[in-house]
Each structure stands twice: as structure tokens, then as C-alpha cells.
Protein backbone atom coordinates (compact mmCIF):
# COMPACT_ATOMS: atom_id res chain seq x y z
CA MET A 1 66.67 9.25 -25.25
CA ILE A 2 65.96 6.49 -27.15
CA LYS A 3 67.18 5.15 -30.51
CA ALA A 4 66.03 3.63 -32.63
CA ARG A 5 66.16 2.58 -36.41
CA VAL A 6 63.68 1.74 -39.13
CA PRO A 7 65.61 -1.80 -40.53
CA ALA A 8 66.86 -1.20 -44.34
CA SER A 9 63.94 -4.32 -45.04
CA VAL A 10 61.24 -2.16 -44.46
CA ARG A 11 59.34 -0.44 -47.33
CA ALA A 12 56.79 2.18 -46.07
CA VAL A 13 53.74 4.19 -48.74
CA PRO A 14 50.65 5.69 -47.64
CA ASP A 15 47.66 5.18 -48.81
CA ASP A 16 44.72 7.13 -49.69
CA ALA A 17 43.26 7.05 -46.48
CA GLY A 18 46.67 8.84 -44.56
CA ARG A 19 47.43 4.95 -43.25
CA LEU A 20 51.04 3.34 -43.71
CA VAL A 21 51.11 0.61 -45.21
CA LEU A 22 54.56 -1.60 -44.50
CA LEU A 23 56.52 -4.49 -46.07
CA ASP A 24 58.90 -6.43 -44.78
CA SER A 25 60.80 -7.44 -47.96
CA ALA A 26 62.81 -10.19 -45.24
CA THR A 27 59.73 -11.81 -44.43
CA GLY A 28 57.46 -10.87 -46.79
CA ARG A 29 54.56 -9.50 -44.43
CA TRP A 30 52.77 -6.82 -44.41
CA PHE A 31 50.88 -4.54 -42.03
CA VAL A 32 49.23 -1.18 -41.89
CA LEU A 33 49.43 1.48 -39.53
CA ASN A 34 46.16 4.02 -38.91
CA ARG A 35 46.85 7.91 -39.63
CA SER A 36 48.45 8.43 -35.78
CA GLY A 37 50.59 5.08 -35.95
CA ALA A 38 51.87 6.45 -39.85
CA ALA A 39 52.41 10.15 -38.17
CA PHE A 40 54.84 8.31 -35.32
CA TYR A 41 56.02 6.00 -37.61
CA GLU A 42 57.31 8.68 -40.13
CA GLU A 43 58.88 10.72 -36.97
CA LEU A 44 60.36 7.94 -35.16
CA ARG A 45 62.30 7.06 -39.33
CA SER A 46 63.25 11.03 -39.46
CA ALA A 47 64.18 10.95 -35.96
CA ALA A 48 65.65 7.50 -35.44
CA ASP A 49 64.49 8.33 -31.54
CA VAL A 50 61.58 7.28 -29.78
CA ASP A 51 61.78 10.39 -27.38
CA LYS A 52 61.97 13.07 -30.03
CA ALA A 53 58.90 11.25 -32.45
CA VAL A 54 56.57 11.44 -29.49
CA ASP A 55 57.57 14.72 -29.22
CA ALA A 56 56.58 15.88 -32.41
CA LEU A 57 52.88 14.01 -32.38
CA LEU A 58 52.48 15.44 -28.54
CA ALA A 59 52.92 18.89 -30.94
CA ARG A 60 50.67 17.78 -33.84
CA TYR A 61 48.18 16.99 -31.38
CA PRO A 62 47.44 19.68 -28.71
CA ALA A 63 44.22 18.45 -27.54
CA VAL A 64 45.16 15.32 -26.97
CA PRO A 65 46.07 14.70 -23.14
CA ALA A 66 50.12 13.29 -22.93
CA ASP A 67 49.80 10.98 -20.85
CA ARG A 68 47.56 8.82 -23.63
CA ILE A 69 49.79 9.72 -25.98
CA ARG A 70 52.64 8.48 -24.67
CA ARG A 71 50.86 5.18 -23.20
CA ASP A 72 49.55 4.42 -26.76
CA ALA A 73 53.58 5.73 -28.48
CA ASP A 74 55.03 2.85 -26.11
CA GLU A 75 52.68 0.53 -27.33
CA LEU A 76 52.78 1.43 -30.64
CA VAL A 77 57.02 0.89 -30.19
CA SER A 78 56.36 -2.37 -28.29
CA THR A 79 54.21 -3.95 -31.49
CA LEU A 80 56.94 -2.14 -33.57
CA VAL A 81 59.52 -3.90 -32.46
CA ALA A 82 57.80 -7.26 -32.19
CA ARG A 83 57.44 -7.56 -35.49
CA GLY A 84 60.60 -6.34 -36.56
CA LEU A 85 59.65 -3.00 -37.55
CA VAL A 86 61.83 -1.38 -35.80
CA GLU A 87 64.56 -1.81 -34.22
CA LEU A 88 66.28 -0.61 -30.61
CA PRO A 89 69.88 -0.71 -30.74
CA ASP A 90 69.93 0.03 -27.32
CA ALA A 91 68.52 -2.70 -25.59
CA GLU A 92 68.92 -0.67 -21.46
CA GLY A 93 67.05 1.71 -23.14
CA ARG A 94 63.57 0.31 -23.79
CA HIS A 95 60.38 0.10 -21.93
CA ALA A 96 59.53 -2.69 -20.18
CA ALA A 97 56.69 -3.38 -22.47
CA GLY A 98 59.06 -3.42 -25.51
CA VAL A 99 61.15 -5.68 -23.87
CA LEU A 100 58.36 -8.22 -23.66
CA MET A 101 57.38 -7.77 -26.72
CA ALA A 102 60.35 -8.24 -28.49
CA VAL A 103 60.88 -11.34 -26.54
CA PRO A 104 61.87 -14.02 -29.76
CA ALA A 105 58.32 -15.81 -30.93
CA ASP A 106 59.06 -19.01 -29.27
CA GLU A 107 60.23 -17.50 -26.16
CA VAL A 108 57.47 -16.06 -24.50
CA PRO A 109 56.96 -16.57 -21.18
CA ALA A 110 54.27 -19.62 -19.74
CA GLY A 111 54.12 -20.14 -16.88
CA ARG A 112 54.00 -23.92 -15.12
CA ARG A 113 50.32 -24.14 -14.60
CA TRP A 114 49.54 -22.17 -17.77
CA ARG A 115 51.67 -24.88 -19.89
CA LEU A 116 50.16 -28.45 -17.82
CA THR A 117 46.60 -26.78 -18.45
CA ALA A 118 46.74 -25.93 -21.80
CA PRO A 119 47.06 -29.53 -23.35
CA PHE A 120 43.65 -30.17 -21.61
CA THR A 121 42.15 -27.46 -22.67
CA PHE A 122 43.54 -27.47 -26.60
CA LEU A 123 41.61 -31.45 -26.95
CA LEU A 124 38.66 -29.36 -25.04
CA ALA A 125 38.89 -26.58 -27.86
CA LEU A 126 38.76 -28.96 -30.83
CA LEU A 127 35.90 -30.82 -29.18
CA LEU A 128 33.95 -27.98 -28.81
CA LEU A 129 34.52 -26.12 -32.21
CA ARG A 130 32.85 -29.83 -34.00
CA LEU A 131 29.91 -28.24 -32.16
CA PRO A 132 27.58 -25.22 -33.92
CA PHE A 133 29.05 -22.07 -33.13
CA ARG A 134 26.12 -20.35 -31.46
CA THR A 135 26.56 -23.78 -28.86
CA SER A 136 30.23 -23.26 -28.34
CA ALA A 137 29.95 -19.76 -27.50
CA ALA A 138 26.97 -20.23 -24.80
CA LEU A 139 29.47 -22.61 -23.48
CA VAL A 140 32.16 -20.59 -23.16
CA ALA A 141 30.85 -17.61 -22.20
CA ARG A 142 29.21 -19.76 -19.38
CA LEU A 143 32.43 -21.38 -18.45
CA LYS A 144 33.63 -17.14 -18.23
CA LYS A 145 30.72 -15.98 -15.86
CA ALA A 146 31.83 -14.55 -12.71
CA LYS A 147 35.64 -14.91 -12.60
CA PRO A 148 37.77 -11.83 -12.86
CA GLU A 149 39.69 -10.31 -15.65
CA ALA A 150 42.63 -11.36 -16.57
CA SER A 151 45.84 -9.54 -17.12
CA ALA A 152 47.56 -8.76 -20.21
CA ALA A 153 49.94 -10.94 -18.85
CA ASP A 154 48.26 -13.27 -17.85
CA ALA A 155 46.34 -13.37 -21.67
CA LEU A 156 50.01 -13.52 -22.55
CA SER A 157 50.49 -16.83 -21.31
CA ALA A 158 48.04 -18.34 -22.09
CA LEU A 159 48.33 -17.45 -25.46
CA SER A 160 51.71 -19.02 -25.55
CA ALA A 161 51.03 -21.91 -23.23
CA ALA A 162 48.06 -22.28 -26.45
CA ARG A 163 50.34 -22.55 -28.59
CA ARG A 164 52.78 -24.33 -27.06
CA ALA A 165 50.45 -26.95 -26.81
CA SER A 166 48.92 -26.91 -30.62
CA ARG A 167 52.12 -27.88 -32.11
CA TRP A 168 52.08 -31.77 -31.39
CA TYR A 169 48.34 -31.98 -32.96
CA PRO A 170 48.85 -33.17 -37.04
CA GLY A 171 46.16 -31.69 -38.34
CA ARG A 172 45.47 -28.09 -39.01
CA VAL A 173 45.70 -25.29 -36.11
CA ALA A 174 44.65 -21.73 -36.81
CA CYS A 175 43.47 -18.55 -34.92
CA VAL A 176 40.19 -20.09 -34.16
CA GLU A 177 41.97 -23.51 -32.07
CA ILE A 178 44.51 -21.28 -30.67
CA SER A 179 42.49 -18.38 -29.36
CA LEU A 180 39.74 -20.57 -27.91
CA THR A 181 42.71 -22.41 -26.19
CA ALA A 182 43.35 -19.69 -24.50
CA VAL A 183 40.46 -18.50 -23.24
CA LEU A 184 39.64 -21.71 -21.76
CA THR A 185 42.96 -22.38 -20.57
CA ALA A 186 42.13 -18.78 -18.23
CA ALA A 187 38.47 -19.54 -17.90
CA PHE A 188 39.87 -23.11 -16.13
CA LEU A 189 42.74 -21.29 -14.82
CA GLY A 190 39.84 -19.08 -12.83
CA LEU A 191 40.07 -15.75 -14.93
CA ARG A 192 38.12 -13.97 -17.28
CA ILE A 193 39.72 -13.70 -21.64
CA ASP A 194 36.97 -12.27 -24.26
CA TRP A 195 37.39 -14.72 -27.70
CA CYS A 196 36.51 -12.46 -30.43
CA PHE A 197 36.24 -12.61 -34.30
CA GLY A 198 36.81 -9.43 -36.61
CA PHE A 199 37.56 -9.25 -40.25
CA ALA A 200 39.82 -7.45 -42.52
CA VAL A 201 39.41 -5.69 -46.30
CA ASP A 202 42.13 -5.45 -49.28
CA PRO A 203 41.65 -8.29 -49.38
CA TYR A 204 39.08 -9.68 -47.27
CA SER A 205 40.33 -12.33 -44.66
CA PHE A 206 39.24 -13.45 -41.74
CA HIS A 207 40.60 -13.44 -37.78
CA ALA A 208 39.62 -14.86 -34.59
CA TRP A 209 41.76 -14.26 -31.28
CA ILE A 210 41.86 -12.82 -27.26
CA GLU A 211 41.02 -9.64 -25.84
CA VAL A 212 41.16 -8.43 -22.65
CA ASP A 213 39.26 -4.94 -21.54
CA GLY A 214 38.83 -4.22 -24.66
CA GLU A 215 42.31 -4.18 -26.01
CA PRO A 216 43.14 -7.36 -27.83
CA VAL A 217 46.32 -9.36 -26.52
CA THR A 218 48.45 -10.63 -29.11
CA HIS A 219 51.52 -13.53 -29.80
CA PRO A 220 55.00 -11.32 -30.91
CA ALA A 221 54.59 -14.12 -33.80
CA ASP A 222 51.54 -12.63 -34.29
CA GLU A 223 50.14 -9.97 -36.96
CA PRO A 224 48.82 -6.69 -35.10
CA ILE A 225 44.49 -6.55 -34.50
CA PRO A 226 43.79 -3.02 -35.06
CA PRO A 227 43.62 -0.95 -37.08
CA THR A 228 43.91 -4.39 -39.38
CA TYR A 229 40.94 -6.20 -37.86
CA ARG A 230 37.69 -5.00 -37.27
CA ARG A 231 35.82 -6.84 -34.40
CA VAL A 232 32.76 -7.95 -35.08
CA PHE A 233 31.58 -10.65 -32.56
CA ARG A 234 32.93 -11.24 -28.79
CA ALA A 235 32.08 -14.21 -26.64
């Protein structure tokens, strides 16, 4: 049994498509859950227990393999905890992934080699972004070629190191610079991470992020990618 609670600051309203729009009134940040995520969140809010919410999903979607539902639920709980949309009062009951994702934004671990490489690759990213995008993307693809794919943990280390390296830059730094730095950091350490671009609607916004094996890897301080953003390009 894993106890869970939804903070009083979180407001949840369903939209016309069956999704759930969340507002954390403590931070002013918005989030959107797709239909299955919305169903899980409502069950979690009602039952105040992760296992009971998972059992409710298993009963609701009998055609979906149980291990897939449990895996997706575990990942969703990790993300919800990291965003402050769910609290797990008993730390000992958290899944391992949830503990990792719930680390405060500035405390995601990044090994020494990541921290030492990122300042160089951050400067390289700034130079590449001055080139035409087609050229930058082609160079990134060439640097990644034939390298083994990074693990999600390595990708998170690269992202954390990229954020750390960018703090000392006096100019504008946003998702494009951070994501490219993470990709380049991994490449220089012999690993492959995908550089992705996409958009969201209502209102329209555009974002760049990293992926491993087709799955977005985000820092706990960042907004979630799916279902908010739809990928349209990957380098």
C-alpha cells in the first residue's frame, strides 16, 4: 500500500476531450493529463492510495497488459510527484523512480565527467545555434552516429549538467540551448541522445527536449512533454 495525496493547492478540471487540466495555485503552473492519465489521477485523488488507483485502471482497461499499466502508472506517479501534483507521505513506500524524480530541481545528480564536459559543450551549442538549423541538425546527427544509446539515467545526468553549465552565461538560455548541450555532452562521452522539437496548442507554444529510445527525458523542474507537446522533428 502506497499512500498518496493531492495537495490542496492543485485544482483539477476536465476538458471537453476527456483530458484533465491541472493548475497548481501555489506556483501558477498548468499541466494537462490525457484520458488515461486523467482517469488514474482521479482514482488516486479519490482512493489516496497508488495501488488502489492502479487496480482501478486494471479493471477499467482489461484489454491492456497489466504490466504495461503498472509501468505507466509508476512513471506517471514519478512525474506527478516531481511536479508537486501528488505527495507521498511515506517516503519508504515510494517506487525507486519516484524517489529519483522527486529530488529537488537543483539536486539531480550529475557525475563528475558530465559536469566537466558540459561547460565546453554549452559553448559549442551556442556556436552551432548561430548556424542555419539544417546545418546544426546535420552536425548533431553526425556526432551521434554509431554511438550506443544513452540510458534514461545518463540522459538525465546530461540534462542536469547542461542546466548547471548554463547558469554562468549572462545571455538568454532556453530549452533549445539546454537540450542541445545535453545531446552534445552525451555525444562527447560516447553516447547517443535524440534532439527533439515539437509544439503544443491552446495556446500554441514550441519546445525543444531530449529523448532516449523514443521517450522524453525531462528535468524535474521542467514541464512534462507528453501529452503537452507533439514531436515534429528529431535529430
